């Protein structure tokens, strides 16, 4: 999911634009969206919003 989000962000203006819109440092975004990245839920929510997407968590029905 994280790598797909990176592709969407790159297609919609790039990491620099996402940094400007989100207030996150470019380096933090690169690190969070790297193959070994471990972004927080807050970071994911900010970046999905910048990408024009919605990040939603819901309780499993199991």
N, C-alpha and C. Protein backbone atom coordinates (compact mmCIF):
# COMPACT_ATOMS: atom_id res chain seq x y z
N UNK A 1 0.81 -1.19 0.00
CA UNK A 1 0.00 0.00 0.00
C UNK A 1 0.86 1.27 0.00
N UNK A 2 1.93 1.24 0.77
CA UNK A 2 2.79 2.42 0.89
C UNK A 2 3.46 2.75 -0.44
N UNK A 3 3.92 1.73 -1.14
CA UNK A 3 4.57 1.98 -2.43
C UNK A 3 3.56 2.48 -3.46
N UNK A 4 2.34 1.98 -3.39
CA UNK A 4 1.29 2.47 -4.29
C UNK A 4 0.98 3.93 -3.99
N UNK A 5 0.94 4.29 -2.71
CA UNK A 5 0.70 5.69 -2.34
C UNK A 5 1.82 6.58 -2.88
N UNK A 6 3.05 6.11 -2.82
CA UNK A 6 4.17 6.88 -3.37
C UNK A 6 3.98 7.11 -4.87
N UNK A 7 3.54 6.10 -5.59
CA UNK A 7 3.32 6.25 -7.02
C UNK A 7 2.23 7.27 -7.31
N UNK A 8 1.17 7.25 -6.52
CA UNK A 8 0.08 8.23 -6.71
C UNK A 8 0.61 9.63 -6.43
N UNK A 9 1.35 9.80 -5.35
CA UNK A 9 1.90 11.11 -5.01
C UNK A 9 2.82 11.62 -6.11
N UNK A 10 3.67 10.74 -6.62
CA UNK A 10 4.57 11.14 -7.70
C UNK A 10 3.80 11.52 -8.96
N UNK A 11 2.70 10.85 -9.22
CA UNK A 11 1.89 11.15 -10.40
C UNK A 11 1.11 12.45 -10.24
N UNK A 12 0.87 12.86 -9.00
CA UNK A 12 0.05 14.05 -8.74
C UNK A 12 0.87 15.23 -8.24
N UNK A 13 2.07 15.38 -8.75
CA UNK A 13 2.84 16.57 -8.41
C UNK A 13 4.18 16.29 -7.78
N UNK A 14 4.40 15.09 -7.29
CA UNK A 14 5.70 14.73 -6.74
C UNK A 14 5.82 14.91 -5.24
N UNK A 15 6.94 14.42 -4.74
CA UNK A 15 7.22 14.45 -3.31
C UNK A 15 7.37 15.89 -2.81
N UNK A 16 8.02 16.73 -3.58
CA UNK A 16 8.20 18.13 -3.15
C UNK A 16 6.86 18.83 -2.99
N UNK A 17 5.96 18.59 -3.91
CA UNK A 17 4.62 19.19 -3.82
C UNK A 17 3.86 18.63 -2.62
N UNK A 18 3.99 17.34 -2.38
CA UNK A 18 3.34 16.72 -1.22
C UNK A 18 3.90 17.30 0.07
N UNK A 19 5.20 17.55 0.10
CA UNK A 19 5.82 18.15 1.28
C UNK A 19 5.28 19.55 1.52
N UNK A 20 5.18 20.32 0.46
CA UNK A 20 4.66 21.69 0.58
C UNK A 20 3.23 21.69 1.09
N UNK A 21 2.39 20.82 0.54
CA UNK A 21 0.98 20.78 0.91
C UNK A 21 0.75 20.21 2.31
N UNK A 22 1.57 19.23 2.70
CA UNK A 22 1.34 18.55 3.97
C UNK A 22 2.08 19.18 5.14
N UNK A 23 3.14 19.94 4.84
CA UNK A 23 3.95 20.48 5.92
C UNK A 23 5.00 19.50 6.42
N UNK A 24 5.07 18.33 5.81
CA UNK A 24 6.08 17.33 6.17
C UNK A 24 7.36 17.60 5.40
N UNK A 25 8.49 17.24 5.99
CA UNK A 25 9.77 17.39 5.30
C UNK A 25 9.87 16.39 4.16
N UNK A 26 10.47 16.81 3.05
CA UNK A 26 10.64 15.92 1.90
C UNK A 26 11.33 14.63 2.30
N UNK A 27 12.40 14.75 3.08
CA UNK A 27 13.16 13.57 3.49
C UNK A 27 12.29 12.62 4.32
N UNK A 28 11.42 13.16 5.14
CA UNK A 28 10.51 12.32 5.94
C UNK A 28 9.55 11.55 5.04
N UNK A 29 9.08 12.20 3.99
CA UNK A 29 8.16 11.54 3.06
C UNK A 29 8.89 10.44 2.30
N UNK A 30 10.09 10.74 1.80
CA UNK A 30 10.87 9.71 1.11
C UNK A 30 11.10 8.51 2.02
N UNK A 31 11.46 8.77 3.27
CA UNK A 31 11.73 7.69 4.22
C UNK A 31 10.46 6.89 4.51
N UNK A 32 9.35 7.58 4.74
CA UNK A 32 8.09 6.91 5.06
C UNK A 32 7.58 6.05 3.91
N UNK A 33 7.81 6.52 2.68
CA UNK A 33 7.27 5.81 1.52
C UNK A 33 8.31 4.91 0.83
N UNK A 34 9.42 4.67 1.51
CA UNK A 34 10.44 3.77 0.95
C UNK A 34 10.01 2.32 1.20
N UNK A 35 10.63 1.36 0.50
CA UNK A 35 10.28 -0.05 0.71
C UNK A 35 10.42 -0.49 2.16
N UNK A 36 11.35 0.10 2.90
CA UNK A 36 11.53 -0.25 4.31
C UNK A 36 10.89 0.78 5.24
N UNK A 37 10.09 1.66 4.69
CA UNK A 37 9.46 2.71 5.49
C UNK A 37 8.46 2.15 6.48
N UNK A 38 8.24 2.90 7.55
CA UNK A 38 7.30 2.52 8.58
C UNK A 38 6.53 3.77 9.01
N UNK A 39 5.70 4.31 8.11
CA UNK A 39 5.01 5.57 8.42
C UNK A 39 3.97 5.40 9.52
N UNK A 40 3.78 6.47 10.27
CA UNK A 40 2.72 6.47 11.28
C UNK A 40 1.36 6.62 10.59
N UNK A 41 0.33 6.32 11.32
CA UNK A 41 -1.03 6.49 10.78
C UNK A 41 -1.27 7.96 10.45
N UNK A 42 -0.75 8.85 11.28
CA UNK A 42 -0.91 10.29 11.03
C UNK A 42 -0.26 10.69 9.72
N UNK A 43 0.95 10.19 9.47
CA UNK A 43 1.65 10.49 8.22
C UNK A 43 0.88 9.93 7.04
N UNK A 44 0.40 8.69 7.15
CA UNK A 44 -0.39 8.10 6.06
C UNK A 44 -1.64 8.92 5.78
N UNK A 45 -2.31 9.37 6.83
CA UNK A 45 -3.53 10.16 6.66
C UNK A 45 -3.21 11.48 5.95
N UNK A 46 -2.12 12.14 6.35
CA UNK A 46 -1.74 13.41 5.71
C UNK A 46 -1.41 13.20 4.24
N UNK A 47 -0.65 12.16 3.95
CA UNK A 47 -0.22 11.93 2.57
C UNK A 47 -1.35 11.45 1.68
N UNK A 48 -2.25 10.64 2.20
CA UNK A 48 -3.39 10.23 1.38
C UNK A 48 -4.28 11.43 1.07
N UNK A 49 -4.43 12.32 2.03
CA UNK A 49 -5.22 13.52 1.80
C UNK A 49 -4.59 14.39 0.72
N UNK A 50 -3.29 14.58 0.79
CA UNK A 50 -2.56 15.36 -0.21
C UNK A 50 -2.71 14.73 -1.59
N UNK A 51 -2.77 13.40 -1.63
CA UNK A 51 -2.89 12.68 -2.90
C UNK A 51 -4.33 12.66 -3.42
N UNK A 52 -5.25 13.26 -2.66
CA UNK A 52 -6.64 13.28 -3.09
C UNK A 52 -7.38 12.00 -2.76
N UNK A 53 -6.85 11.26 -1.79
CA UNK A 53 -7.46 9.99 -1.38
C UNK A 53 -7.95 10.11 0.06
N UNK A 54 -8.66 9.10 0.51
CA UNK A 54 -9.15 9.08 1.88
C UNK A 54 -8.60 7.84 2.58
N UNK A 55 -8.05 8.03 3.76
CA UNK A 55 -7.50 6.93 4.56
C UNK A 55 -8.52 6.61 5.64
N UNK A 56 -9.03 5.38 5.64
CA UNK A 56 -10.06 5.00 6.59
C UNK A 56 -9.70 3.69 7.26
N UNK A 57 -9.87 3.63 8.57
CA UNK A 57 -9.73 2.39 9.32
C UNK A 57 -11.10 2.02 9.84
N UNK A 58 -11.41 0.74 9.80
CA UNK A 58 -12.70 0.31 10.33
C UNK A 58 -12.54 -1.02 11.04
N UNK A 59 -13.44 -1.28 11.94
CA UNK A 59 -13.42 -2.51 12.71
C UNK A 59 -13.76 -3.69 11.80
N UNK A 60 -13.02 -4.76 11.96
CA UNK A 60 -13.26 -5.97 11.19
C UNK A 60 -14.58 -6.60 11.61
N UNK A 61 -15.24 -7.24 10.69
CA UNK A 61 -16.52 -7.89 11.01
C UNK A 61 -16.32 -9.29 11.59
N UNK A 62 -15.07 -9.72 11.74
CA UNK A 62 -14.80 -11.07 12.27
C UNK A 62 -14.86 -11.09 13.74
